[in-house]
PDB file of N, CA and C in Angstrom:
ATOM      1  N   MET A   1      44.960  90.912  27.333  1.00  0.00           N
ATOM      2  CA  MET A   1      43.809  91.945  26.856  1.00  0.00           C
ATOM      3  C   MET A   1      43.345  91.532  25.427  1.00  0.00           C
ATOM      4  N   ARG A   2      42.139  91.637  25.336  1.00  0.00           N
ATOM      5  CA  ARG A   2      41.533  91.396  24.025  1.00  0.00           C
ATOM      6  C   ARG A   2      41.556  92.600  23.091  1.00  0.00           C
ATOM      7  N   LYS A   3      42.077  92.285  21.821  1.00  0.00           N
ATOM      8  CA  LYS A   3      42.188  93.519  21.073  1.00  0.00           C
ATOM      9  C   LYS A   3      40.649  93.762  20.349  1.00  0.00           C
ATOM     10  N   SER A   4      40.359  95.080  20.508  1.00  0.00           N
ATOM     11  CA  SER A   4      39.109  95.411  19.868  1.00  0.00           C
ATOM     12  C   SER A   4      39.167  95.837  18.404  1.00  0.00           C
ATOM     13  N   LYS A   5      38.076  95.539  17.646  1.00  0.00           N
ATOM     14  CA  LYS A   5      38.066  95.780  16.370  1.00  0.00           C
ATOM     15  C   LYS A   5      38.194  97.282  15.927  1.00  0.00           C
ATOM     16  N   THR A   6      38.651  97.497  14.767  1.00  0.00           N
ATOM     17  CA  THR A   6      38.768  98.906  14.317  1.00  0.00           C
ATOM     18  C   THR A   6      37.403  99.417  13.913  1.00  0.00           C
ATOM     19  N   LYS A   7      37.153 100.742  14.071  1.00  0.00           N
ATOM     20  CA  LYS A   7      35.764 101.103  13.809  1.00  0.00           C
ATOM     21  C   LYS A   7      35.636 102.198  12.884  1.00  0.00           C
ATOM     22  N   THR A   8      36.722 102.545  12.279  1.00  0.00           N
ATOM     23  CA  THR A   8      36.696 103.616  11.206  1.00  0.00           C
ATOM     24  C   THR A   8      37.744 103.333  10.118  1.00  0.00           C
ATOM     25  N   LYS A   9      37.446 103.810   8.946  1.00  0.00           N
ATOM     26  CA  LYS A   9      38.375 103.589   7.837  1.00  0.00           C
ATOM     27  C   LYS A   9      39.766 103.832   8.111  1.00  0.00           C
ATOM     28  N   ALA A  10      40.035 105.100   8.875  1.00  0.00           N
ATOM     29  CA  ALA A  10      41.416 105.561   9.084  1.00  0.00           C
ATOM     30  C   ALA A  10      41.928 104.443  10.254  1.00  0.00           C
ATOM     31  N   GLU A  11      41.348 104.029  11.151  1.00  0.00           N
ATOM     32  CA  GLU A  11      41.912 102.985  12.038  1.00  0.00           C
ATOM     33  C   GLU A  11      42.180 101.773  11.255  1.00  0.00           C
ATOM     34  N   LEU A  12      41.360 101.323  10.362  1.00  0.00           N
ATOM     35  CA  LEU A  12      41.587 100.049   9.574  1.00  0.00           C
ATOM     36  C   LEU A  12      42.908 100.182   8.767  1.00  0.00           C
ATOM     37  N   LYS A  13      43.031 101.533   8.185  1.00  0.00           N
ATOM     38  CA  LYS A  13      44.265 101.754   7.302  1.00  0.00           C
ATOM     39  C   LYS A  13      45.556 101.691   8.209  1.00  0.00           C
ATOM     40  N   THR A  14      45.421 102.132   9.456  1.00  0.00           N
ATOM     41  CA  THR A  14      46.438 102.215  10.353  1.00  0.00           C
ATOM     42  C   THR A  14      46.860 100.792  10.618  1.00  0.00           C
ATOM     43  N   LEU A  15      45.790  99.951  10.958  1.00  0.00           N
ATOM     44  CA  LEU A  15      46.043  98.465  11.273  1.00  0.00           C
ATOM     45  C   LEU A  15      46.778  97.881   9.889  1.00  0.00           C
ATOM     46  N   ILE A  16      46.169  98.093   8.702  1.00  0.00           N
ATOM     47  CA  ILE A  16      46.822  97.624   7.585  1.00  0.00           C
ATOM     48  C   ILE A  16      48.289  98.013   7.465  1.00  0.00           C
ATOM     49  N   ASN A  17      48.651  99.211   7.766  1.00  0.00           N
ATOM     50  CA  ASN A  17      50.077  99.766   7.654  1.00  0.00           C
ATOM     51  C   ASN A  17      50.806  99.062   8.569  1.00  0.00           C
ATOM     52  N   LYS A  18      50.420  98.758   9.836  1.00  0.00           N
ATOM     53  CA  LYS A  18      51.125  98.011  10.891  1.00  0.00           C
ATOM     54  C   LYS A  18      51.490  96.735  10.424  1.00  0.00           C
ATOM     55  N   TRP A  19      50.500  95.943   9.872  1.00  0.00           N
ATOM     56  CA  TRP A  19      50.691  94.670   9.472  1.00  0.00           C
ATOM     57  C   TRP A  19      51.803  94.654   8.104  1.00  0.00           C
ATOM     58  N   ALA A  20      51.610  95.680   7.224  1.00  0.00           N
ATOM     59  CA  ALA A  20      52.394  95.796   6.206  1.00  0.00           C
ATOM     60  C   ALA A  20      53.893  95.922   6.565  1.00  0.00           C
ATOM     61  N   GLN A  21      54.184  96.603   7.796  1.00  0.00           N
ATOM     62  CA  GLN A  21      55.554  96.791   8.239  1.00  0.00           C
ATOM     63  C   GLN A  21      55.981  95.523   8.879  1.00  0.00           C
ATOM     64  N   GLU A  22      55.213  94.755   9.360  1.00  0.00           N
ATOM     65  CA  GLU A  22      55.496  93.554  10.025  1.00  0.00           C
ATOM     66  C   GLU A  22      55.987  92.457   9.079  1.00  0.00           C
ATOM     67  N   ILE A  23      55.074  92.480   7.954  1.00  0.00           N
ATOM     68  CA  ILE A  23      55.282  91.564   7.037  1.00  0.00           C
ATOM     69  C   ILE A  23      56.247  92.015   5.790  1.00  0.00           C
ATOM     70  N   LYS A  24      56.706  93.345   6.055  1.00  0.00           N
ATOM     71  CA  LYS A  24      57.726  93.786   5.107  1.00  0.00           C
ATOM     72  C   LYS A  24      57.331  93.868   3.668  1.00  0.00           C
ATOM     73  N   VAL A  25      56.221  94.523   3.608  1.00  0.00           N
ATOM     74  CA  VAL A  25      55.556  94.857   2.157  1.00  0.00           C
ATOM     75  C   VAL A  25      55.168  96.241   2.187  1.00  0.00           C
ATOM     76  N   ILE A  26      55.089  96.810   0.960  1.00  0.00           N
ATOM     77  CA  ILE A  26      54.725  98.169   0.832  1.00  0.00           C
ATOM     78  C   ILE A  26      53.584  98.153  -0.366  1.00  0.00           C
ATOM     79  N   PRO A  27      52.418  98.320   0.163  1.00  0.00           N
ATOM     80  CA  PRO A  27      51.327  98.521  -0.897  1.00  0.00           C
ATOM     81  C   PRO A  27      51.540  99.749  -1.555  1.00  0.00           C
ATOM     82  N   LYS A  28      51.100  99.758  -2.986  1.00  0.00           N
ATOM     83  CA  LYS A  28      51.284 101.078  -3.672  1.00  0.00           C
ATOM     84  C   LYS A  28      49.928 101.913  -3.296  1.00  0.00           C
ATOM     85  N   GLN A  29      48.893 101.310  -2.930  1.00  0.00           N
ATOM     86  CA  GLN A  29      47.669 102.063  -2.459  1.00  0.00           C
ATOM     87  C   GLN A  29      46.884 101.174  -1.720  1.00  0.00           C
ATOM     88  N   ILE A  30      46.300 101.674  -0.673  1.00  0.00           N
ATOM     89  CA  ILE A  30      45.381 100.941   0.183  1.00  0.00           C
ATOM     90  C   ILE A  30      43.937 101.632   0.042  1.00  0.00           C
ATOM     91  N   ARG A  31      42.822 100.946  -0.190  1.00  0.00           N
ATOM     92  CA  ARG A  31      41.659 101.403  -0.355  1.00  0.00           C
ATOM     93  C   ARG A  31      40.617 100.700   0.588  1.00  0.00           C
ATOM     94  N   VAL A  32      39.789 101.471   1.448  1.00  0.00           N
ATOM     95  CA  VAL A  32      38.768 100.772   2.024  1.00  0.00           C
ATOM     96  C   VAL A  32      37.472 101.271   1.406  1.00  0.00           C
ATOM     97  N   GLN A  33      36.665 100.401   0.770  1.00  0.00           N
ATOM     98  CA  GLN A  33      35.429 100.713   0.070  1.00  0.00           C
ATOM     99  C   GLN A  33      34.483  99.681   0.093  1.00  0.00           C
ATOM    100  N   GLU A  34      33.249  99.999  -0.349  1.00  0.00           N
ATOM    101  CA  GLU A  34      32.313  99.141  -0.459  1.00  0.00           C
ATOM    102  C   GLU A  34      32.480  98.058  -1.493  1.00  0.00           C
ATOM    103  N   MET A  35      32.538  96.761  -1.021  1.00  0.00           N
ATOM    104  CA  MET A  35      32.716  95.616  -2.015  1.00  0.00           C
ATOM    105  C   MET A  35      31.503  94.654  -1.790  1.00  0.00           C
ATOM    106  N   ARG A  36      31.017  94.157  -2.944  1.00  0.00           N
ATOM    107  CA  ARG A  36      29.895  93.253  -2.831  1.00  0.00           C
ATOM    108  C   ARG A  36      30.218  91.859  -2.737  1.00  0.00           C
ATOM    109  N   ASN A  37      31.098  91.373  -3.266  1.00  0.00           N
ATOM    110  CA  ASN A  37      31.465  89.913  -3.290  1.00  0.00           C
ATOM    111  C   ASN A  37      32.764  89.441  -2.629  1.00  0.00           C
ATOM    112  N   LYS A  38      33.662  90.344  -2.219  1.00  0.00           N
ATOM    113  CA  LYS A  38      34.904  89.915  -1.697  1.00  0.00           C
ATOM    114  C   LYS A  38      35.101  90.821  -0.298  1.00  0.00           C
ATOM    115  N   TRP A  39      35.881  90.148   0.456  1.00  0.00           N
ATOM    116  CA  TRP A  39      36.319  91.134   1.679  1.00  0.00           C
ATOM    117  C   TRP A  39      37.476  91.834   1.260  1.00  0.00           C
ATOM    118  N   ALA A  40      38.335  91.439   0.280  1.00  0.00           N
ATOM    119  CA  ALA A  40      39.460  92.243  -0.110  1.00  0.00           C
ATOM    120  C   ALA A  40      39.853  91.715  -1.460  1.00  0.00           C
ATOM    121  N   SER A  41      40.930  92.494  -2.001  1.00  0.00           N
ATOM    122  CA  SER A  41      41.489  92.081  -3.233  1.00  0.00           C
ATOM    123  C   SER A  41      42.851  92.775  -3.358  1.00  0.00           C
ATOM    124  N   CYS A  42      43.733  92.148  -4.052  1.00  0.00           N
ATOM    125  CA  CYS A  42      45.131  92.605  -4.387  1.00  0.00           C
ATOM    126  C   CYS A  42      45.411  92.648  -5.843  1.00  0.00           C
ATOM    127  N   SER A  43      45.820  93.694  -6.420  1.00  0.00           N
ATOM    128  CA  SER A  43      46.169  93.700  -7.819  1.00  0.00           C
ATOM    129  C   SER A  43      47.571  93.430  -7.999  1.00  0.00           C
ATOM    130  N   THR A  44      48.006  92.927  -9.213  1.00  0.00           N
ATOM    131  CA  THR A  44      49.416  92.692  -9.420  1.00  0.00           C
ATOM    132  C   THR A  44      50.334  93.888  -9.569  1.00  0.00           C
ATOM    133  N   SER A  45      49.619  95.095  -9.570  1.00  0.00           N
ATOM    134  CA  SER A  45      50.325  96.390  -9.471  1.00  0.00           C
ATOM    135  C   SER A  45      50.545  96.896  -8.017  1.00  0.00           C
ATOM    136  N   GLY A  46      50.008  96.183  -7.004  1.00  0.00           N
ATOM    137  CA  GLY A  46      50.312  96.334  -5.680  1.00  0.00           C
ATOM    138  C   GLY A  46      49.166  97.234  -4.923  1.00  0.00           C
ATOM    139  N   TRP A  47      47.962  97.371  -5.594  1.00  0.00           N
ATOM    140  CA  TRP A  47      46.939  98.038  -5.024  1.00  0.00           C
ATOM    141  C   TRP A  47      46.254  97.031  -4.144  1.00  0.00           C
ATOM    142  N   ILE A  48      45.728  97.331  -2.967  1.00  0.00           N
ATOM    143  CA  ILE A  48      44.960  96.546  -2.242  1.00  0.00           C
ATOM    144  C   ILE A  48      43.601  97.211  -1.742  1.00  0.00           C
ATOM    145  N   SER A  49      42.544  96.655  -2.035  1.00  0.00           N
ATOM    146  CA  SER A  49      41.261  97.054  -1.585  1.00  0.00           C
ATOM    147  C   SER A  49      40.666  96.118  -0.551  1.00  0.00           C
ATOM    148  N   PHE A  50      40.022  96.844   0.546  1.00  0.00           N
ATOM    149  CA  PHE A  50      39.324  96.138   1.601  1.00  0.00           C
ATOM    150  C   PHE A  50      37.908  96.601   1.642  1.00  0.00           C
ATOM    151  N   SER A  51      37.059  95.561   1.958  1.00  0.00           N
ATOM    152  CA  SER A  51      35.587  95.892   2.018  1.00  0.00           C
ATOM    153  C   SER A  51      35.350  96.654   3.402  1.00  0.00           C
ATOM    154  N   SER A  52      34.583  97.762   3.177  1.00  0.00           N
ATOM    155  CA  SER A  52      34.237  98.416   4.429  1.00  0.00           C
ATOM    156  C   SER A  52      33.364  97.749   5.426  1.00  0.00           C
ATOM    157  N   ASP A  53      32.820  96.630   4.919  1.00  0.00           N
ATOM    158  CA  ASP A  53      32.168  95.748   5.927  1.00  0.00           C
ATOM    159  C   ASP A  53      33.042  95.115   6.977  1.00  0.00           C
ATOM    160  N   LEU A  54      34.392  95.075   6.748  1.00  0.00           N
ATOM    161  CA  LEU A  54      35.432  94.596   7.678  1.00  0.00           C
ATOM    162  C   LEU A  54      35.263  95.453   9.039  1.00  0.00           C
ATOM    163  N   LEU A  55      34.779  96.762   8.947  1.00  0.00           N
ATOM    164  CA  LEU A  55      34.738  97.634  10.109  1.00  0.00           C
ATOM    165  C   LEU A  55      33.684  96.878  11.113  1.00  0.00           C
ATOM    166  N   ASP A  56      32.860  95.989  10.706  1.00  0.00           N
ATOM    167  CA  ASP A  56      31.746  95.499  11.552  1.00  0.00           C
ATOM    168  C   ASP A  56      32.188  93.975  12.084  1.00  0.00           C
ATOM    169  N   LYS A  57      33.463  93.570  11.749  1.00  0.00           N
ATOM    170  CA  LYS A  57      34.027  92.155  11.950  1.00  0.00           C
ATOM    171  C   LYS A  57      35.021  92.304  13.202  1.00  0.00           C
ATOM    172  N   SER A  58      35.159  91.162  13.792  1.00  0.00           N
ATOM    173  CA  SER A  58      36.135  90.969  14.946  1.00  0.00           C
ATOM    174  C   SER A  58      37.512  91.437  14.570  1.00  0.00           C
ATOM    175  N   ARG A  59      38.297  91.801  15.403  1.00  0.00           N
ATOM    176  CA  ARG A  59      39.698  92.143  15.098  1.00  0.00           C
ATOM    177  C   ARG A  59      40.607  90.920  14.565  1.00  0.00           C
ATOM    178  N   LYS A  60      40.149  89.791  15.041  1.00  0.00           N
ATOM    179  CA  LYS A  60      41.007  88.540  14.584  1.00  0.00           C
ATOM    180  C   LYS A  60      40.515  88.335  13.079  1.00  0.00           C
ATOM    181  N   PHE A  61      39.345  88.553  12.726  1.00  0.00           N
ATOM    182  CA  PHE A  61      38.886  88.464  11.290  1.00  0.00           C
ATOM    183  C   PHE A  61      39.498  89.460  10.508  1.00  0.00           C
ATOM    184  N   GLN A  62      39.617  90.692  10.976  1.00  0.00           N
ATOM    185  CA  GLN A  62      40.198  91.780  10.255  1.00  0.00           C
ATOM    186  C   GLN A  62      41.724  91.407  10.053  1.00  0.00           C
ATOM    187  N   ASP A  63      42.387  91.009  11.076  1.00  0.00           N
ATOM    188  CA  ASP A  63      43.794  90.687  10.887  1.00  0.00           C
ATOM    189  C   ASP A  63      43.936  89.688   9.850  1.00  0.00           C
ATOM    190  N   TYR A  64      43.086  88.561  10.042  1.00  0.00           N
ATOM    191  CA  TYR A  64      43.308  87.456   8.920  1.00  0.00           C
ATOM    192  C   TYR A  64      43.137  88.067   7.659  1.00  0.00           C
ATOM    193  N   VAL A  65      42.110  88.852   7.242  1.00  0.00           N
ATOM    194  CA  VAL A  65      41.990  89.381   5.899  1.00  0.00           C
ATOM    195  C   VAL A  65      43.031  90.221   5.444  1.00  0.00           C
ATOM    196  N   ILE A  66      43.633  91.012   6.365  1.00  0.00           N
ATOM    197  CA  ILE A  66      44.692  91.949   6.081  1.00  0.00           C
ATOM    198  C   ILE A  66      46.013  91.180   5.832  1.00  0.00           C
ATOM    199  N   ILE A  67      46.261  90.242   6.602  1.00  0.00           N
ATOM    200  CA  ILE A  67      47.588  89.371   6.484  1.00  0.00           C
ATOM    201  C   ILE A  67      47.383  88.768   5.207  1.00  0.00           C
ATOM    202  N   HIS A  68      46.263  88.099   4.923  1.00  0.00           N
ATOM    203  CA  HIS A  68      46.040  87.283   3.515  1.00  0.00           C
ATOM    204  C   HIS A  68      46.312  88.227   2.502  1.00  0.00           C
ATOM    205  N   GLU A  69      45.729  89.295   2.273  1.00  0.00           N
ATOM    206  CA  GLU A  69      45.909  90.211   1.106  1.00  0.00           C
ATOM    207  C   GLU A  69      47.488  90.622   1.091  1.00  0.00           C
ATOM    208  N   LEU A  70      47.889  91.071   2.242  1.00  0.00           N
ATOM    209  CA  LEU A  70      49.391  91.807   2.197  1.00  0.00           C
ATOM    210  C   LEU A  70      50.346  90.595   1.667  1.00  0.00           C
ATOM    211  N   LEU A  71      50.138  89.328   2.154  1.00  0.00           N
ATOM    212  CA  LEU A  71      51.017  88.327   1.725  1.00  0.00           C
ATOM    213  C   LEU A  71      50.960  88.100   0.143  1.00  0.00           C
ATOM    214  N   HIS A  72      49.852  88.387  -0.414  1.00  0.00           N
ATOM    215  CA  HIS A  72      49.700  88.303  -1.807  1.00  0.00           C
ATOM    216  C   HIS A  72      50.698  89.130  -2.583  1.00  0.00           C
ATOM    217  N   LEU A  73      51.132  90.367  -1.945  1.00  0.00           N
ATOM    218  CA  LEU A  73      52.114  91.120  -2.535  1.00  0.00           C
ATOM    219  C   LEU A  73      53.464  90.388  -2.714  1.00  0.00           C
ATOM    220  N   LYS A  74      53.691  89.418  -1.912  1.00  0.00           N
ATOM    221  CA  LYS A  74      54.920  88.634  -1.871  1.00  0.00           C
ATOM    222  C   LYS A  74      54.692  87.262  -2.662  1.00  0.00           C
ATOM    223  N   ILE A  75      53.567  86.640  -2.397  1.00  0.00           N
ATOM    224  CA  ILE A  75      53.216  85.345  -2.956  1.00  0.00           C
ATOM    225  C   ILE A  75      51.783  85.338  -3.610  1.00  0.00           C
ATOM    226  N   PRO A  76      51.665  85.289  -4.936  1.00  0.00           N
ATOM    227  CA  PRO A  76      50.560  85.448  -5.681  1.00  0.00           C
ATOM    228  C   PRO A  76      49.565  84.347  -5.496  1.00  0.00           C
ATOM    229  N   ASN A  77      49.864  83.241  -5.181  1.00  0.00           N
ATOM    230  CA  ASN A  77      49.006  82.005  -5.219  1.00  0.00           C
ATOM    231  C   ASN A  77      48.747  81.493  -3.582  1.00  0.00           C
ATOM    232  N   HIS A  78      47.906  80.450  -3.505  1.00  0.00           N
ATOM    233  CA  HIS A  78      47.719  79.940  -2.196  1.00  0.00           C
ATOM    234  C   HIS A  78      48.329  78.636  -1.973  1.00  0.00           C
ATOM    235  N   GLY A  79      49.638  78.553  -2.460  1.00  0.00           N
ATOM    236  CA  GLY A  79      50.332  77.326  -2.350  1.00  0.00           C
ATOM    237  C   GLY A  79      51.009  77.111  -0.928  1.00  0.00           C
ATOM    238  N   LYS A  80      51.909  76.143  -0.804  1.00  0.00           N
ATOM    239  CA  LYS A  80      52.501  75.710   0.350  1.00  0.00           C
ATOM    240  C   LYS A  80      53.232  76.969   1.093  1.00  0.00           C
ATOM    241  N   LEU A  81      53.899  77.696   0.335  1.00  0.00           N
ATOM    242  CA  LEU A  81      54.710  78.929   0.874  1.00  0.00           C
ATOM    243  C   LEU A  81      53.728  79.871   1.387  1.00  0.00           C
ATOM    244  N   PHE A  82      52.620  80.103   0.677  1.00  0.00           N
ATOM    245  CA  PHE A  82      51.537  81.061   1.098  1.00  0.00           C
ATOM    246  C   PHE A  82      51.115  80.633   2.493  1.00  0.00           C
ATOM    247  N   LYS A  83      50.764  79.315   2.745  1.00  0.00           N
ATOM    248  CA  LYS A  83      50.151  78.755   3.868  1.00  0.00           C
ATOM    249  C   LYS A  83      51.031  78.775   4.964  1.00  0.00           C
ATOM    250  N   SER A  84      52.410  78.450   4.547  1.00  0.00           N
ATOM    251  CA  SER A  84      53.490  78.686   5.714  1.00  0.00           C
ATOM    252  C   SER A  84      53.562  80.025   6.270  1.00  0.00           C
ATOM    253  N   MET A  85      53.674  81.014   5.452  1.00  0.00           N
ATOM    254  CA  MET A  85      53.558  82.354   5.877  1.00  0.00           C
ATOM    255  C   MET A  85      52.372  82.825   6.669  1.00  0.00           C
ATOM    256  N   MET A  86      51.227  82.235   6.171  1.00  0.00           N
ATOM    257  CA  MET A  86      49.948  82.592   6.944  1.00  0.00           C
ATOM    258  C   MET A  86      50.095  81.959   8.362  1.00  0.00           C
ATOM    259  N   ASN A  87      50.561  80.739   8.480  1.00  0.00           N
ATOM    260  CA  ASN A  87      50.922  80.097   9.719  1.00  0.00           C
ATOM    261  C   ASN A  87      51.861  80.942  10.652  1.00  0.00           C
ATOM    262  N   ALA A  88      52.869  81.609  10.068  1.00  0.00           N
ATOM    263  CA  ALA A  88      53.957  82.431  10.665  1.00  0.00           C
ATOM    264  C   ALA A  88      53.287  83.573  11.236  1.00  0.00           C
ATOM    265  N   PHE A  89      52.278  84.365  10.548  1.00  0.00           N
ATOM    266  CA  PHE A  89      51.664  85.524  10.935  1.00  0.00           C
ATOM    267  C   PHE A  89      50.379  85.459  11.706  1.00  0.00           C
ATOM    268  N   SER A  90      49.649  84.348  11.298  1.00  0.00           N
ATOM    269  CA  SER A  90      48.316  84.244  12.038  1.00  0.00           C
ATOM    270  C   SER A  90      48.109  82.577  12.212  1.00  0.00           C
ATOM    271  N   PRO A  91      48.669  82.162  13.381  1.00  0.00           N
ATOM    272  CA  PRO A  91      48.742  80.712  13.548  1.00  0.00           C
ATOM    273  C   PRO A  91      47.375  79.964  13.507  1.00  0.00           C
ATOM    274  N   ASN A  92      46.302  80.661  13.790  1.00  0.00           N
ATOM    275  CA  ASN A  92      44.916  79.984  13.683  1.00  0.00           C
ATOM    276  C   ASN A  92      44.184  80.439  12.471  1.00  0.00           C
ATOM    277  N   TRP A  93      44.768  80.679  11.378  1.00  0.00           N
ATOM    278  CA  TRP A  93      44.043  81.436  10.230  1.00  0.00           C
ATOM    279  C   TRP A  93      43.047  80.630   9.645  1.00  0.00           C
ATOM    280  N   GLU A  94      43.275  79.255   9.604  1.00  0.00           N
ATOM    281  CA  GLU A  94      42.209  78.348   9.106  1.00  0.00           C
ATOM    282  C   GLU A  94      40.719  78.502   9.667  1.00  0.00           C
ATOM    283  N   LYS A  95      40.665  79.015  10.806  1.00  0.00           N
ATOM    284  CA  LYS A  95      39.294  79.224  11.482  1.00  0.00           C
ATOM    285  C   LYS A  95      38.655  80.471  10.867  1.00  0.00           C
ATOM    286  N   ALA A  96      39.570  81.428  10.688  1.00  0.00           N
ATOM    287  CA  ALA A  96      39.080  82.785  10.141  1.00  0.00           C
ATOM    288  C   ALA A  96      38.670  82.473   8.606  1.00  0.00           C
ATOM    289  N   GLU A  97      39.447  81.721   8.137  1.00  0.00           N
ATOM    290  CA  GLU A  97      39.205  81.309   6.575  1.00  0.00           C
ATOM    291  C   GLU A  97      37.863  80.840   6.343  1.00  0.00           C
ATOM    292  N   ILE A  98      37.331  80.081   7.328  1.00  0.00           N
ATOM    293  CA  ILE A  98      35.962  79.402   7.194  1.00  0.00           C
ATOM    294  C   ILE A  98      34.970  80.399   7.141  1.00  0.00           C
ATOM    295  N   LEU A  99      35.018  81.447   7.980  1.00  0.00           N
ATOM    296  CA  LEU A  99      34.162  82.672   8.037  1.00  0.00           C
ATOM    297  C   LEU A  99      34.324  83.455   6.861  1.00  0.00           C
ATOM    298  N   PHE A 100      35.587  83.468   6.363  1.00  0.00           N
ATOM    299  CA  PHE A 100      35.987  84.250   5.150  1.00  0.00           C
ATOM    300  C   PHE A 100      35.127  83.768   3.906  1.00  0.00           C
ATOM    301  N   ASN A 101      35.228  82.441   3.847  1.00  0.00           N
ATOM    302  CA  ASN A 101      34.521  81.744   2.676  1.00  0.00           C
ATOM    303  C   ASN A 101      33.120  81.594   2.860  1.00  0.00           C
ATOM    304  N   LYS A 102      32.524  81.504   4.057  1.00  0.00           N
ATOM    305  CA  LYS A 102      31.110  81.279   4.053  1.00  0.00           C
ATOM    306  C   LYS A 102      30.263  82.504   4.150  1.00  0.00           C
ATOM    307  N   ASN A 103      30.890  83.602   4.664  1.00  0.00           N
ATOM    308  CA  ASN A 103      30.087  84.874   4.880  1.00  0.00           C
ATOM    309  C   ASN A 103      30.817  86.006   3.940  1.00  0.00           C
ATOM    310  N   PRO A 104      30.414  86.151   2.764  1.00  0.00           N
ATOM    311  CA  PRO A 104      31.026  87.296   1.920  1.00  0.00           C
ATOM    312  C   PRO A 104      30.315  88.661   2.543  1.00  0.00           C
ATOM    313  N   PRO A 105      30.970  89.724   2.092  1.00  0.00           N
ATOM    314  CA  PRO A 105      30.304  90.980   2.558  1.00  0.00           C
ATOM    315  C   PRO A 105      28.824  91.116   2.213  1.00  0.00           C
ATOM    316  N   SER A 106      28.151  91.983   2.757  1.00  0.00           N
ATOM    317  CA  SER A 106      26.780  92.231   2.455  1.00  0.00           C
ATOM    318  C   SER A 106      26.565  92.762   1.126  1.00  0.00           C
ATOM    319  N   ASN A 107      25.471  92.435   0.459  1.00  0.00           N
ATOM    320  CA  ASN A 107      25.081  93.078  -0.798  1.00  0.00           C
ATOM    321  C   ASN A 107      24.201  94.118  -0.508  1.00  0.00           C
ATOM    322  N   LYS A 108      24.596  95.431  -0.205  1.00  0.00           N
ATOM    323  CA  LYS A 108      23.792  96.481   0.043  1.00  0.00           C
ATOM    324  C   LYS A 108      23.345  97.103  -1.258  1.00  0.00           C
TER     325      LYS A 108
END
């Protein structure tokens, strides 16, 4: 069965919390807001922000962005360990990363 994309901020936050439990991280705060240049960001203090434009993307892409940012709570860089963890939680993450890099959120 194909997973459908989340359609509301509340649903997206539920999905983020599901992945946080699976990855075993606890974000201090989760925000879903308008972001002009990034799909998401993670602060060193544990705050994670996600672009509300994610609501219009596929579930696979949403999962990729969520996993990517949550892993930064454990691993701050994009080195070998980060890539290994991405492979563990999202085996086809490189395909989503192409979209991630080519198509930033809309500049509304």
